[in-house]
Protein backbone atom coordinates (compact mmCIF):
# COMPACT_ATOMS: atom_id res chain seq x y z
CA MET A 1 0.00 0.00 0.00
CA THR A 2 1.32 3.44 -0.92
CA ALA A 3 0.73 5.57 2.15
CA ASP A 4 2.41 7.88 4.64
CA VAL A 5 2.84 5.05 7.09
CA GLY A 6 3.49 1.56 5.84
CA GLN A 7 1.25 -1.37 6.71
CA PRO A 8 1.64 -4.93 5.48
CA ALA A 9 -0.47 -5.79 2.49
CA GLY A 10 -3.19 -8.35 2.91
CA HIS A 11 -4.56 -7.05 6.21
CA SER A 12 -8.33 -7.31 6.69
CA GLY A 13 -11.09 -6.27 9.04
CA HIS A 14 -9.98 -2.62 8.99
CA VAL A 15 -12.12 0.52 8.72
CA ILE A 16 -11.59 3.02 5.90
CA VAL A 17 -12.26 6.67 6.79
CA CYS A 18 -12.70 9.00 3.78
CA GLY A 19 -12.01 12.59 4.82
CA LEU A 20 -10.08 13.98 7.77
CA LYS A 21 -11.78 17.29 8.44
CA GLY A 22 -14.31 17.54 11.24
CA VAL A 23 -15.72 14.29 12.50
CA GLY A 24 -13.37 12.26 10.26
CA LEU A 25 -10.29 12.93 12.39
CA ARG A 26 -12.11 12.20 15.66
CA THR A 27 -13.51 8.96 14.24
CA VAL A 28 -9.99 7.88 13.24
CA GLU A 29 -8.83 8.75 16.75
CA GLN A 30 -11.59 6.71 18.43
CA LEU A 31 -10.98 3.68 16.22
CA HIS A 32 -7.22 3.91 16.75
CA LEU A 33 -7.59 4.14 20.54
CA SER A 34 -9.86 1.10 20.41
CA ASN A 35 -7.11 -0.87 18.63
CA VAL A 36 -9.14 -1.13 15.44
CA GLY A 37 -7.20 -1.13 12.17
CA VAL A 38 -7.98 2.06 10.28
CA VAL A 39 -6.86 3.55 6.95
CA VAL A 40 -7.45 7.19 5.91
CA VAL A 41 -8.22 8.11 2.30
CA ASP A 42 -8.01 11.85 1.54
CA ASP A 43 -6.41 13.40 -1.54
CA ASP A 44 -6.56 16.99 -0.18
CA PRO A 45 -6.01 16.82 3.59
CA ASP A 46 -5.26 19.62 6.00
CA LEU A 47 -1.49 19.30 6.54
CA ARG A 48 -1.81 19.69 10.30
CA LEU A 49 -4.43 16.94 10.53
CA ALA A 50 -2.40 14.69 8.24
CA GLN A 51 0.57 15.14 10.58
CA VAL A 52 -1.57 14.16 13.57
CA VAL A 53 -2.67 10.97 11.81
CA ARG A 54 0.92 10.22 10.86
CA GLY A 55 1.88 10.54 14.52
CA TRP A 56 -0.66 7.86 15.41
CA GLY A 57 0.88 5.49 12.88
CA VAL A 58 -2.32 5.34 10.82
CA PRO A 59 -1.88 4.70 7.05
CA HIS A 60 -2.94 7.64 4.88
CA VAL A 61 -3.71 7.14 1.18
CA HIS A 62 -3.29 10.38 -0.82
CA LYS A 63 -5.68 9.44 -3.59
CA SER A 64 -9.29 10.21 -4.44
CA ALA A 65 -11.99 7.98 -3.02
CA ARG A 66 -14.52 9.47 -5.45
CA LEU A 67 -12.80 7.85 -8.44
CA GLY A 68 -12.30 4.53 -6.66
CA GLU A 69 -8.50 4.36 -6.87
CA GLY A 70 -8.08 5.51 -3.29
CA LEU A 71 -10.55 2.87 -2.11
CA THR A 72 -8.76 0.17 -4.05
CA GLU A 73 -5.39 1.09 -2.56
CA ALA A 74 -6.95 1.17 0.91
CA GLU A 75 -7.98 -2.45 0.26
CA LEU A 76 -11.74 -1.98 0.23
CA ALA A 77 -12.16 -5.64 -0.72
CA SER A 78 -11.11 -6.76 2.78
CA ALA A 79 -12.42 -3.81 4.83
CA ARG A 80 -15.12 -4.30 7.46
CA ALA A 81 -16.58 -0.79 7.13
CA VAL A 82 -16.21 2.56 5.37
CA VAL A 83 -16.88 5.95 6.98
CA CYS A 84 -17.64 8.75 4.49
CA ALA A 85 -16.92 12.10 6.15
CA ALA A 86 -15.62 14.38 3.38
CA ALA A 87 -15.85 18.13 3.93
CA ASP A 88 -18.12 18.58 0.90
CA GLU A 89 -21.46 16.75 1.01
CA VAL A 90 -21.50 16.23 -2.76
CA GLN A 91 -18.18 14.40 -2.48
CA THR A 92 -19.52 12.43 0.49
CA LEU A 93 -22.55 11.36 -1.52
CA GLU A 94 -20.39 10.36 -4.49
CA ILE A 95 -17.99 8.35 -2.29
CA ALA A 96 -20.89 6.53 -0.58
CA LEU A 97 -22.44 5.53 -3.91
CA ARG A 98 -19.03 4.46 -5.24
CA VAL A 99 -18.44 2.26 -2.18
CA ARG A 100 -21.87 0.70 -2.51
CA GLU A 101 -21.17 -0.19 -6.14
CA LEU A 102 -17.76 -1.69 -5.38
CA ARG A 103 -18.72 -3.50 -2.14
CA PRO A 104 -22.49 -3.93 -1.68
CA ASP A 105 -21.91 -5.99 1.47
CA VAL A 106 -19.58 -3.62 3.37
CA ARG A 107 -20.89 -1.68 6.36
CA LEU A 108 -21.24 1.99 5.36
CA VAL A 109 -21.48 5.06 7.63
CA VAL A 110 -22.15 8.44 5.98
CA GLN A 111 -22.06 11.98 7.39
CA MET A 112 -24.88 13.99 5.79
CA ALA A 113 -26.37 17.22 7.17
CA ASN A 114 -29.14 17.57 4.57
CA PRO A 115 -32.06 15.49 5.93
CA SER A 116 -33.77 15.04 2.55
CA VAL A 117 -30.63 13.70 0.89
CA GLY A 118 -29.87 11.65 3.98
CA GLN A 119 -33.24 9.90 3.94
CA ALA A 120 -32.93 9.12 0.25
CA LEU A 121 -29.36 7.85 0.67
CA GLU A 122 -30.33 5.65 3.60
CA ARG A 123 -32.63 3.67 1.31
CA VAL A 124 -29.52 2.73 -0.67
CA THR A 125 -26.94 2.35 2.10
CA GLY A 126 -29.20 0.77 4.72
CA PRO A 127 -31.06 1.83 7.90
CA GLY A 128 -28.96 3.72 10.46
CA SER A 129 -26.08 4.28 8.03
CA VAL A 130 -26.55 8.06 7.63
CA LEU A 131 -25.63 10.24 10.62
CA ASP A 132 -25.71 14.01 11.13
CA VAL A 133 -23.12 15.65 13.40
CA ALA A 134 -25.46 18.56 14.19
CA THR A 135 -28.33 16.31 15.28
CA LEU A 136 -26.04 14.18 17.45
CA SER A 137 -24.25 17.07 19.17
CA ALA A 138 -27.04 19.67 19.52
CA PRO A 139 -28.60 18.20 22.73
CA SER A 140 -25.33 18.72 24.61
CA PHE A 141 -25.26 22.41 23.60
CA VAL A 142 -28.89 22.83 24.63
CA GLU A 143 -28.18 21.28 28.05
CA ALA A 144 -25.20 23.61 28.55
CA CYS A 145 -27.27 26.70 27.58
CA LEU A 146 -29.97 25.73 30.06
CA ARG A 147 -27.38 25.00 32.77
CA ARG A 148 -29.10 21.68 33.17
CA PRO A 149 -27.22 19.52 35.69
CA THR A 150 -29.11 16.42 34.60
CA HIS A 151 -28.80 14.23 31.50
CA HIS A 152 -31.79 11.93 31.00
CA MET A 153 -31.72 8.65 29.11
CA ASN A 154 -33.86 5.58 28.60
CA LEU A 155 -32.17 2.21 29.05
CA GLY A 156 -34.13 -0.98 28.57
CA GLY A 157 -37.44 0.85 28.89
CA ARG A 158 -36.50 2.43 32.22
CA GLY A 159 -35.64 6.08 32.88
CA PHE A 160 -32.12 6.89 34.11
CA SER A 161 -30.39 10.21 34.75
CA VAL A 162 -26.86 11.45 35.30
CA GLN A 163 -27.09 14.16 37.97
CA GLN A 164 -24.34 16.67 38.81
CA LEU A 165 -24.32 17.74 42.47
CA THR A 166 -22.16 19.67 44.90
CA VAL A 167 -21.34 18.02 48.23
CA PRO A 168 -22.97 20.31 50.82
CA ASP A 169 -21.03 21.83 53.72
CA ASP A 170 -23.07 20.36 56.56
CA GLY A 171 -20.30 20.23 59.12
CA GLU A 172 -19.50 16.57 58.52
CA ALA A 173 -15.93 15.34 58.17
CA PRO A 174 -14.83 14.10 54.73
CA SER A 175 -16.83 10.98 53.89
CA THR A 176 -17.31 8.58 50.99
CA LEU A 177 -19.61 8.51 47.98
CA ARG A 178 -21.42 5.54 49.51
CA HIS A 179 -22.11 7.52 52.69
CA ARG A 180 -23.35 10.56 50.77
CA PHE A 181 -25.26 8.99 47.89
CA GLY A 182 -25.99 5.39 48.84
CA GLN A 183 -26.35 3.02 45.89
CA LEU A 184 -26.21 5.71 43.20
CA ALA A 185 -23.48 4.85 40.70
CA PRO A 186 -20.61 7.41 40.73
CA VAL A 187 -19.75 8.74 37.28
CA ALA A 188 -17.17 11.41 38.14
CA VAL A 189 -15.79 13.42 41.06
CA MET A 190 -14.44 16.94 40.51
CA PRO A 191 -12.50 17.97 43.66
CA ALA A 192 -13.00 21.49 44.98
CA ASP A 193 -9.23 22.03 45.09
CA GLY A 194 -9.06 21.84 41.27
CA SER A 195 -7.18 18.53 41.12
CA GLU A 196 -7.80 15.98 38.37
CA MET A 197 -11.28 14.55 37.84
CA ALA A 198 -11.83 10.98 39.08
CA VAL A 199 -13.67 9.04 36.36
CA CYS A 200 -16.07 6.25 37.38
CA PRO A 201 -14.63 5.95 40.92
CA GLY A 202 -15.75 3.32 43.40
CA ARG A 203 -18.43 4.05 45.98
CA ASP A 204 -15.76 4.17 48.70
CA HIS A 205 -14.01 7.09 47.01
CA PRO A 206 -13.59 9.94 49.56
CA VAL A 207 -15.37 13.27 48.99
CA ALA A 208 -15.37 16.55 50.93
CA ALA A 209 -17.63 19.60 51.12
CA GLY A 210 -17.47 21.62 47.93
CA ASP A 211 -16.54 18.70 45.69
CA ARG A 212 -18.74 18.33 42.62
CA VAL A 213 -19.90 14.85 41.75
CA ALA A 214 -21.88 13.25 38.93
CA VAL A 215 -23.97 10.25 39.93
CA LEU A 216 -26.24 7.94 37.96
CA GLY A 217 -29.47 6.34 39.01
CA THR A 218 -33.07 5.83 38.06
CA THR A 219 -35.39 8.81 38.07
CA GLU A 220 -37.05 7.56 41.27
CA GLU A 221 -33.72 7.14 43.07
CA LEU A 222 -32.61 10.66 42.23
CA GLN A 223 -35.94 12.17 43.28
CA ARG A 224 -35.50 10.59 46.70
CA LEU A 225 -32.29 12.61 47.21
CA ASP A 226 -34.42 15.68 47.99
CA LEU A 227 -31.62 18.06 47.03
CA GLU A 228 -32.29 21.39 45.39
CA GLN A 229 -29.62 20.70 42.77
CA THR A 230 -31.69 17.85 41.35
CA LYS A 231 -33.88 20.46 39.72
CA THR A 232 -33.16 22.09 36.42
CA ALA A 233 -31.43 25.43 36.85
CA GLU A 234 -34.11 28.08 37.25
CA SER A 235 -34.32 31.18 35.15
CA THR A 236 -32.52 34.25 36.44
CA ALA A 237 -34.71 36.55 34.40
CA ARG A 238 -34.65 40.21 35.21
CA THR A 239 -37.88 41.88 34.15
CA ILE A 240 -37.39 44.98 32.04
CA ARG A 241 -39.46 47.88 33.39
CA PRO A 242 -42.00 49.37 30.93
CA LEU A 243 -40.15 52.72 30.81
CA VAL A 244 -36.84 51.00 30.01
CA ARG A 245 -38.55 48.83 27.41
CA PHE A 246 -40.08 51.94 25.80
CA ARG A 247 -36.70 53.71 25.72
CA ARG A 248 -35.08 50.70 24.08
CA ARG A 249 -37.78 50.44 21.45
CA LEU A 250 -37.52 54.19 20.81
CA ALA A 251 -33.76 53.93 20.49
CA SER A 252 -34.14 51.03 18.07
CA LEU A 253 -36.21 53.26 15.81
CA PHE A 254 -33.20 55.50 15.22
CA GLN A 255 -30.60 52.84 14.52
CA THR A 256 -30.93 53.13 10.73
CA SER A 257 -29.77 56.03 8.56
CA SER A 258 -33.37 56.64 7.39
CA SER A 259 -34.57 56.99 10.98
CA ARG A 260 -31.80 59.43 11.85
CA ALA A 261 -32.48 61.43 8.68
CA LEU A 262 -36.18 61.59 9.57
CA ALA A 263 -35.31 62.91 13.02
CA LEU A 264 -33.17 65.67 11.51
CA VAL A 265 -35.83 66.67 8.95
CA LEU A 266 -38.54 66.73 11.62
CA ALA A 267 -36.33 68.92 13.78
CA GLY A 268 -35.83 71.28 10.82
CA LEU A 269 -39.56 71.38 10.11
CA LEU A 270 -40.34 72.10 13.76
CA ALA A 271 -37.78 74.92 13.82
CA LEU A 272 -39.33 76.37 10.66
CA LEU A 273 -42.84 76.28 12.17
CA ILE A 274 -41.66 77.97 15.36
CA ALA A 275 -39.74 80.66 13.48
CA SER A 276 -42.68 81.33 11.14
CA THR A 277 -45.12 81.53 14.05
CA VAL A 278 -42.96 84.14 15.80
CA ILE A 279 -42.46 86.22 12.61
CA LEU A 280 -46.17 86.17 11.73
CA ARG A 281 -47.12 87.03 15.30
CA LEU A 282 -44.88 90.11 15.30
CA ALA A 283 -44.80 91.28 11.65
CA TYR A 284 -48.10 90.34 10.00
CA HIS A 285 -50.74 93.12 9.84
CA GLN A 286 -54.33 92.25 9.08
CA PRO A 287 -55.90 94.43 6.38
CA SER A 288 -59.08 94.73 8.48
CA GLY A 289 -59.77 94.08 12.13
CA PRO A 290 -57.19 94.09 14.95
CA GLY A 291 -53.55 94.67 13.96
CA HIS A 292 -51.42 91.59 14.76
CA LEU A 293 -52.34 87.89 14.67
CA GLY A 294 -52.69 85.87 17.85
CA VAL A 295 -50.36 82.98 18.64
CA LEU A 296 -52.87 80.26 17.71
CA THR A 297 -53.81 82.12 14.52
CA SER A 298 -50.13 82.48 13.61
CA ILE A 299 -49.62 78.71 14.05
CA TYR A 300 -52.71 78.03 11.93
CA PHE A 301 -51.53 80.36 9.14
CA THR A 302 -48.06 78.81 9.18
CA VAL A 303 -49.37 75.24 8.86
CA GLU A 304 -51.83 76.36 6.18
CA THR A 305 -49.02 77.92 4.16
CA VAL A 306 -46.55 75.02 4.56
CA ALA A 307 -49.26 72.52 3.61
CA THR A 308 -50.22 74.71 0.59
CA VAL A 309 -53.89 74.43 1.52
CA GLY A 310 -54.74 78.06 0.74
CA TYR A 311 -58.22 78.55 2.20
CA GLY A 312 -58.03 82.26 1.36
CA ASP A 313 -58.79 83.52 4.88
CA TYR A 314 -55.22 84.80 5.22
CA SER A 315 -52.69 85.84 2.57
CA PHE A 316 -49.51 87.82 2.04
CA ALA A 317 -50.99 89.91 -0.80
CA HIS A 318 -51.18 93.17 1.18
CA GLN A 319 -48.03 92.72 3.27
CA GLY A 320 -44.66 94.39 2.88
CA THR A 321 -41.89 93.21 0.55
CA GLY A 322 -39.90 91.57 3.33
CA LEU A 323 -42.82 89.49 4.52
CA MET A 324 -43.67 88.41 0.97
CA VAL A 325 -40.06 87.22 0.43
CA PHE A 326 -40.36 85.34 3.70
CA ALA A 327 -43.61 83.76 2.46
CA ILE A 328 -41.87 82.49 -0.68
CA LEU A 329 -39.09 80.94 1.36
CA LEU A 330 -41.61 79.47 3.81
CA ILE A 331 -43.55 77.78 1.01
CA VAL A 332 -40.47 76.41 -0.80
CA VAL A 333 -38.66 75.18 2.33
CA GLY A 334 -41.87 73.94 3.90
CA ILE A 335 -42.91 71.86 0.88
CA THR A 336 -39.40 70.41 0.65
CA LEU A 337 -39.33 69.42 4.31
CA VAL A 338 -42.88 68.02 4.36
CA SER A 339 -42.26 65.96 1.19
CA THR A 340 -39.02 64.62 2.65
CA VAL A 341 -40.78 63.68 5.90
CA PHE A 342 -43.43 61.69 4.03
CA ALA A 343 -40.82 59.95 1.86
CA LEU A 344 -38.64 58.96 4.82
CA PHE A 345 -41.62 57.93 6.90
CA THR A 346 -42.91 55.68 4.11
CA ASN A 347 -39.46 54.12 3.76
CA ILE A 348 -39.30 53.45 7.50
CA LEU A 349 -42.78 51.91 7.55
CA VAL A 350 -41.85 49.52 4.75
CA SER A 351 -38.53 48.67 6.45
CA ARG A 352 -40.24 48.09 9.79
CA ARG A 353 -42.81 45.86 8.16
CA ILE A 354 -40.03 43.76 6.65
CA GLU A 355 -38.22 43.62 10.00
CA GLN A 356 -41.44 42.64 11.73
CA SER A 357 -41.91 39.76 9.30
CA LEU A 358 -38.34 38.67 10.08
CA GLY A 359 -38.90 38.94 13.83
CA ARG A 360 -36.18 41.55 14.43
CA ARG A 361 -38.52 44.08 16.03
CA GLN A 362 -39.07 41.68 18.92
CA VAL A 363 -35.48 42.06 20.12
CA PRO A 364 -35.42 45.50 21.84
CA GLY A 365 -37.90 44.50 24.55
CA MET A 366 -36.64 40.93 25.00
CA SER A 367 -35.05 39.57 28.18
CA ASP A 368 -34.10 36.17 29.61
CA HIS A 369 -33.45 34.90 26.09
CA VAL A 370 -30.75 32.64 24.63
CA VAL A 371 -28.48 34.23 22.03
CA VAL A 372 -27.31 31.82 19.33
CA ILE A 373 -24.37 33.17 17.29
CA GLY A 374 -23.75 31.35 14.02
CA LEU A 375 -26.54 29.77 12.01
CA GLY A 376 -24.97 26.67 10.50
CA SER A 377 -26.35 23.15 10.71
CA VAL A 378 -25.38 22.97 14.39
CA GLY A 379 -26.78 26.43 15.12
CA ILE A 380 -30.22 25.74 13.63
CA SER A 381 -30.41 22.38 15.45
CA VAL A 382 -29.63 24.12 18.75
CA VAL A 383 -32.26 26.79 17.99
CA GLU A 384 -34.88 24.10 17.41
CA GLY A 385 -33.84 22.31 20.60
CA LEU A 386 -34.13 25.50 22.68
CA LEU A 387 -37.54 26.30 21.20
CA ALA A 388 -38.69 22.79 22.07
CA GLU A 389 -37.67 23.57 25.68
CA GLY A 390 -39.84 26.70 25.61
CA ARG A 391 -36.95 29.21 25.55
CA LYS A 392 -36.88 32.54 23.74
CA VAL A 393 -34.09 32.67 21.16
CA VAL A 394 -32.32 35.45 19.23
CA VAL A 395 -30.00 34.54 16.35
CA VAL A 396 -26.99 36.58 15.24
CA GLU A 397 -25.59 35.73 11.82
CA ARG A 398 -23.01 37.65 9.80
CA ASP A 399 -23.94 36.28 6.37
CA ASP A 400 -27.25 37.62 5.03
CA ASN A 401 -27.21 34.84 2.38
CA ASN A 402 -27.04 32.05 4.96
CA ARG A 403 -29.03 29.02 3.80
CA TYR A 404 -30.69 28.55 7.20
CA LEU A 405 -32.06 32.11 7.57
CA ALA A 406 -35.41 31.24 6.01
CA ARG A 407 -35.73 28.22 8.30
CA ALA A 408 -35.04 30.34 11.39
CA ARG A 409 -37.55 32.98 10.29
CA ALA A 410 -40.16 30.30 9.65
CA LEU A 411 -39.73 29.39 13.32
CA ARG A 412 -40.49 33.07 14.12
CA VAL A 413 -37.06 33.53 15.67
CA PRO A 414 -35.63 37.10 15.61
CA VAL A 415 -32.59 37.17 13.33
CA VAL A 416 -30.03 39.98 13.50
CA VAL A 417 -27.61 40.11 10.57
CA ALA A 418 -24.55 41.71 12.16
CA ASP A 419 -21.02 41.14 13.46
CA ALA A 420 -21.31 39.45 16.85
CA THR A 421 -17.89 40.76 17.98
CA GLN A 422 -19.13 44.38 18.07
CA ARG A 423 -20.57 46.00 21.21
CA GLN A 424 -23.25 47.73 19.13
CA THR A 425 -24.56 44.30 18.13
CA HIS A 426 -24.54 43.22 21.78
CA LYS A 427 -26.70 46.23 22.67
CA MET A 428 -29.02 45.48 19.77
CA ILE A 429 -29.70 41.95 21.03
CA ASN A 430 -29.93 42.91 24.73
CA LEU A 431 -26.92 40.80 25.66
CA ASP A 432 -26.95 42.24 29.18
CA GLN A 433 -30.40 40.64 29.68
CA ALA A 434 -29.59 37.27 28.07
CA TYR A 435 -30.04 33.97 29.89
CA ALA A 436 -27.28 32.21 27.91
CA VAL A 437 -25.08 32.63 24.83
CA ALA A 438 -24.09 29.88 22.39
CA VAL A 439 -21.24 30.67 19.97
CA LEU A 440 -21.56 28.08 17.21
CA THR A 441 -19.88 29.20 14.00
CA SER A 442 -17.78 26.63 12.13
CA ALA A 443 -14.46 28.49 12.65
CA ASP A 444 -12.56 28.06 15.93
CA PHE A 445 -10.89 31.47 15.86
CA THR A 446 -14.17 33.26 15.08
CA ASN A 447 -15.79 31.50 18.03
CA ILE A 448 -12.92 32.41 20.34
CA GLU A 449 -12.94 36.04 19.20
CA THR A 450 -16.70 36.25 19.65
CA GLY A 451 -16.60 34.50 23.01
CA LEU A 452 -14.02 36.94 24.38
CA ALA A 453 -16.04 39.91 23.08
CA VAL A 454 -19.17 38.51 24.75
CA ARG A 455 -17.23 38.07 27.98
CA GLU A 456 -16.20 41.73 27.99
CA SER A 457 -19.76 42.89 27.27
CA LEU A 458 -21.26 40.75 30.03
CA GLY A 459 -18.98 42.28 32.65
CA ASP A 460 -20.23 41.40 36.13
CA ARG A 461 -22.75 38.90 34.74
CA TRP A 462 -20.00 36.71 33.25
CA GLU A 463 -20.20 34.23 36.15
CA GLN A 464 -24.00 33.96 35.97
CA VAL A 465 -24.50 33.65 32.20
CA PRO A 466 -23.36 30.38 30.57
CA VAL A 467 -21.36 31.09 27.40
CA VAL A 468 -21.19 27.87 25.38
CA LEU A 469 -18.24 27.79 23.01
CA ARG A 470 -17.90 25.46 20.03
CA VAL A 471 -14.23 24.56 19.50
CA PHE A 472 -13.03 21.68 17.31
CA ASP A 473 -9.56 21.33 18.86
CA ARG A 474 -10.02 19.79 22.32
CA GLN A 475 -6.58 20.91 23.52
CA LEU A 476 -7.41 24.47 22.52
CA GLY A 477 -10.71 24.12 24.34
CA ARG A 478 -8.95 23.09 27.56
CA MET A 479 -6.60 26.07 27.29
CA MET A 480 -9.58 28.39 26.80
CA GLU A 481 -11.09 26.97 29.93
CA ARG A 482 -7.92 27.32 32.01
CA ASN A 483 -6.84 30.76 30.81
CA PHE A 484 -10.09 32.60 30.13
CA GLY A 485 -12.52 30.84 32.45
CA PHE A 486 -14.89 29.39 29.84
CA ARG A 487 -16.90 26.66 31.56
CA TYR A 488 -18.80 25.21 28.61
CA VAL A 489 -16.46 24.36 25.74
CA ARG A 490 -17.86 21.70 23.44
CA SER A 491 -16.60 19.91 20.33
CA THR A 492 -19.27 18.71 17.91
CA SER A 493 -16.81 16.23 16.43
CA ALA A 494 -15.89 14.79 19.82
CA LEU A 495 -19.58 14.34 20.64
CA ALA A 496 -20.46 12.72 17.30
CA ALA A 497 -17.32 10.61 16.66
CA PRO A 498 -18.33 7.72 18.98
CA TRP A 499 -21.57 7.32 17.02
CA PHE A 500 -19.59 7.03 13.78
CA ALA A 501 -17.02 4.68 15.29
CA GLY A 502 -19.72 2.59 16.94
CA ALA A 503 -21.76 2.37 13.72
CA ALA A 504 -18.63 1.32 11.81
CA LEU A 505 -18.03 -1.49 14.32
CA GLY A 506 -21.67 -2.53 14.42
CA LEU A 507 -22.07 -1.39 18.04
CA ASP A 508 -25.07 0.29 19.65
CA VAL A 509 -24.14 3.78 20.90
CA LEU A 510 -27.07 5.28 22.82
CA GLU A 511 -25.99 8.61 24.35
CA THR A 512 -23.09 11.05 24.55
CA PHE A 513 -22.79 13.86 27.10
CA TYR A 514 -20.24 16.01 28.94
CA VAL A 515 -19.26 16.25 32.59
CA ASP A 516 -17.16 19.40 32.70
CA GLN A 517 -14.79 18.91 29.75
CA GLN A 518 -14.84 15.10 29.89
CA PRO A 519 -17.07 13.47 27.24
CA PHE A 520 -18.86 10.28 28.24
CA LEU A 521 -20.52 7.57 26.19
CA VAL A 522 -23.47 5.31 26.99
CA GLY A 523 -23.71 2.13 24.93
CA ALA A 524 -25.44 -1.21 24.84
CA VAL A 525 -24.01 -4.57 23.89
CA SER A 526 -25.76 -7.89 23.43
CA VAL A 527 -23.41 -10.49 24.90
CA THR A 528 -22.61 -13.05 22.20
CA PRO A 529 -22.46 -16.68 23.34
CA GLY A 530 -18.79 -17.61 23.16
CA GLY A 531 -17.79 -13.96 22.75
CA GLY A 532 -15.23 -11.99 24.69
CA LEU A 533 -17.64 -10.84 27.42
CA GLU A 534 -19.39 -14.11 28.24
CA GLY A 535 -18.49 -15.25 31.74
CA LEU A 536 -16.63 -12.01 32.52
CA ALA A 537 -17.34 -10.43 35.93
CA MET A 538 -18.25 -6.76 36.31
CA GLN A 539 -15.14 -6.14 38.39
CA ASP A 540 -12.92 -7.44 35.60
CA LEU A 541 -13.86 -4.58 33.29
CA SER A 542 -11.82 -1.41 33.07
CA ALA A 543 -11.91 0.66 36.25
CA ARG A 544 -13.08 3.62 34.16
CA THR A 545 -16.16 1.76 32.88
CA ARG A 546 -19.48 1.60 34.73
CA VAL A 547 -22.08 -1.14 34.12
CA VAL A 548 -25.40 0.67 34.57
CA ALA A 549 -27.80 -2.24 34.17
CA ILE A 550 -28.16 -5.70 32.60
CA SER A 551 -31.20 -7.08 30.83
CA ARG A 552 -31.06 -10.80 31.65
CA ALA A 553 -31.95 -13.22 28.87
CA ALA A 554 -32.52 -16.01 31.42
CA SER A 555 -35.25 -14.02 33.17
CA GLY A 556 -37.08 -12.93 30.03
CA GLY A 557 -35.34 -9.57 29.67
CA GLN A 558 -35.85 -8.39 33.25
CA LEU A 559 -33.62 -5.39 34.00
CA GLU A 560 -31.09 -5.89 36.80
CA HIS A 561 -30.05 -2.59 38.42
CA PRO A 562 -27.63 -2.02 39.96
CA PRO A 563 -25.59 -5.17 39.14
CA ARG A 564 -23.14 -6.37 41.78
CA ARG A 565 -19.40 -6.34 41.16
CA GLY A 566 -19.22 -10.13 41.09
CA THR A 567 -22.07 -10.47 38.59
CA ARG A 568 -21.01 -12.22 35.40
CA PHE A 569 -22.18 -11.67 31.84
CA ALA A 570 -24.09 -14.51 30.22
CA GLY A 571 -24.72 -15.18 26.55
CA GLY A 572 -27.83 -13.36 25.31
CA ASP A 573 -27.71 -10.67 28.05
CA ARG A 574 -27.94 -7.04 26.99
CA ALA A 575 -25.63 -4.84 29.04
CA TYR A 576 -25.78 -1.05 29.33
CA LEU A 577 -22.39 0.57 29.99
CA LEU A 578 -21.11 4.10 30.65
CA GLY A 579 -17.61 5.54 30.51
CA PRO A 580 -15.15 7.69 28.54
CA TYR A 581 -15.17 7.14 24.78
CA GLU A 582 -11.98 5.18 24.31
CA GLU A 583 -12.58 2.93 27.33
CA LEU A 584 -16.15 2.06 26.45
CA LEU A 585 -15.53 1.49 22.75
CA SER A 586 -12.83 -1.02 23.70
CA VAL A 587 -15.23 -2.85 26.03
CA LEU A 588 -18.05 -2.81 23.50
CA ARG A 589 -15.73 -4.23 20.85
CA ARG A 590 -14.36 -6.87 23.16
CA ASP A 591 -17.50 -8.93 22.83
CA GLN A 592 -16.81 -9.30 19.11
CA LEU A 593 -13.49 -11.01 19.78
CA SER A 594 -14.20 -14.67 20.44
CA SER A 595 -11.64 -16.96 22.04
């Protein structure tokens, strides 16, 4: 095989990954960490990503998979699965169809964001073969925006939850997880002193006041804890007073050039009316009757002249030369100003009507809303998830030709087309009244720049408002957390990669979620008679893997929870496991390796 890293010819049972960008790299990483043979095919890779793959010792074929030559050199004939994750969806579609023609029997996993194309493709490639990164990762972003300390899941027809709690300071000496939380399964412990997270510790692991822990149990078990933290984080809405709301709406009227021009013209017209009223009051002499006009009569005559009504009750015909020259100027300037006012006002009405149809006029009076910055496939999925939770959402998007704008507007979501790094935009969307902010563009640096700008604008509210940052590079995400204090940094690729790796291996991945910056995976495996898990005791699994429950084949599928450490797997059982990605994928795959 001609590749960056040599591998003996004739190998089989490997997975071919077409495309390194995005979820492709993370899928390669997960497969490699699970000791699965993997070959990358990408004729135009990012040099940095190619270097990372080279460092793992993974073969990289620099040929096109679309034409078939790259697939042939990657030994498609003996591969167990192909993952199509090219950056361009047209290329992904072409590669998937090419693979299906060359190997109709091979397991195929395809990344496709367009749901219509995905559904059509799935009829060709098979059920469950088409996955969407946005759909898989969006729930984690929604949970972070809502500051939800609980992740719910359904395992074997029974409701389970992972609950994050803080050990209360009740005067007790340091104790253990068993003493504090009974039979609830520990998922993680985050010490208050900032030391390293303990993943899937035993129930005798010591904890102290202030430590944060994540525990797993059934919904009923968690409800019996009777702790306030078991509830979803409540809204910290601050009601905007009617006067403040009115001022904001009034200010929003003068944000456009047409509105400011109208204000200037109206000011000029008002000054003209006042000046004319004063001049007529002092200089106009009535041909008959009392000498000078009254104030109200002077106002009436001024408006009558500017409006060119000409009722004939008053005129400048018998006045002096100076007043007649003034009358000419009054008529010319007045008509000009009045016509300009009507033109600008009509323009503003039309503009406001358009903005109202787009939802933008709702923004000035909005509070306790979630700001979503970046309207890509992930952004629109997060918007839909937040709306399903009953939250108010405002979208900020820089590109007015974005393909998802119409979809957002159909959902009646206010959309502001502006640069989210500017303070003026932050004022426009009431950032100081926001409940949460999600920065979800597809560029890491843009997200970082926007996140830092949002942090500065939030000021004292920075600690109270969750700012969820989408960052592809996990190492960069950790540095952002350590140096700038971001608490919710998420990688869509890291969340979705286990689903792709699991689908490629024929495994059943059920859930992915984060505890702090540690991603976890929940999966199910049906124990194969004679497979690698049959007869294995719970305690013989990796220490970083938690067996949540077992559906026993011998008892007709009855769910056993929690299983004891000495419990052994039996052929036909269905086991539900939780742990970090690489650990759990290795355990899930182990069952496929018979003696």
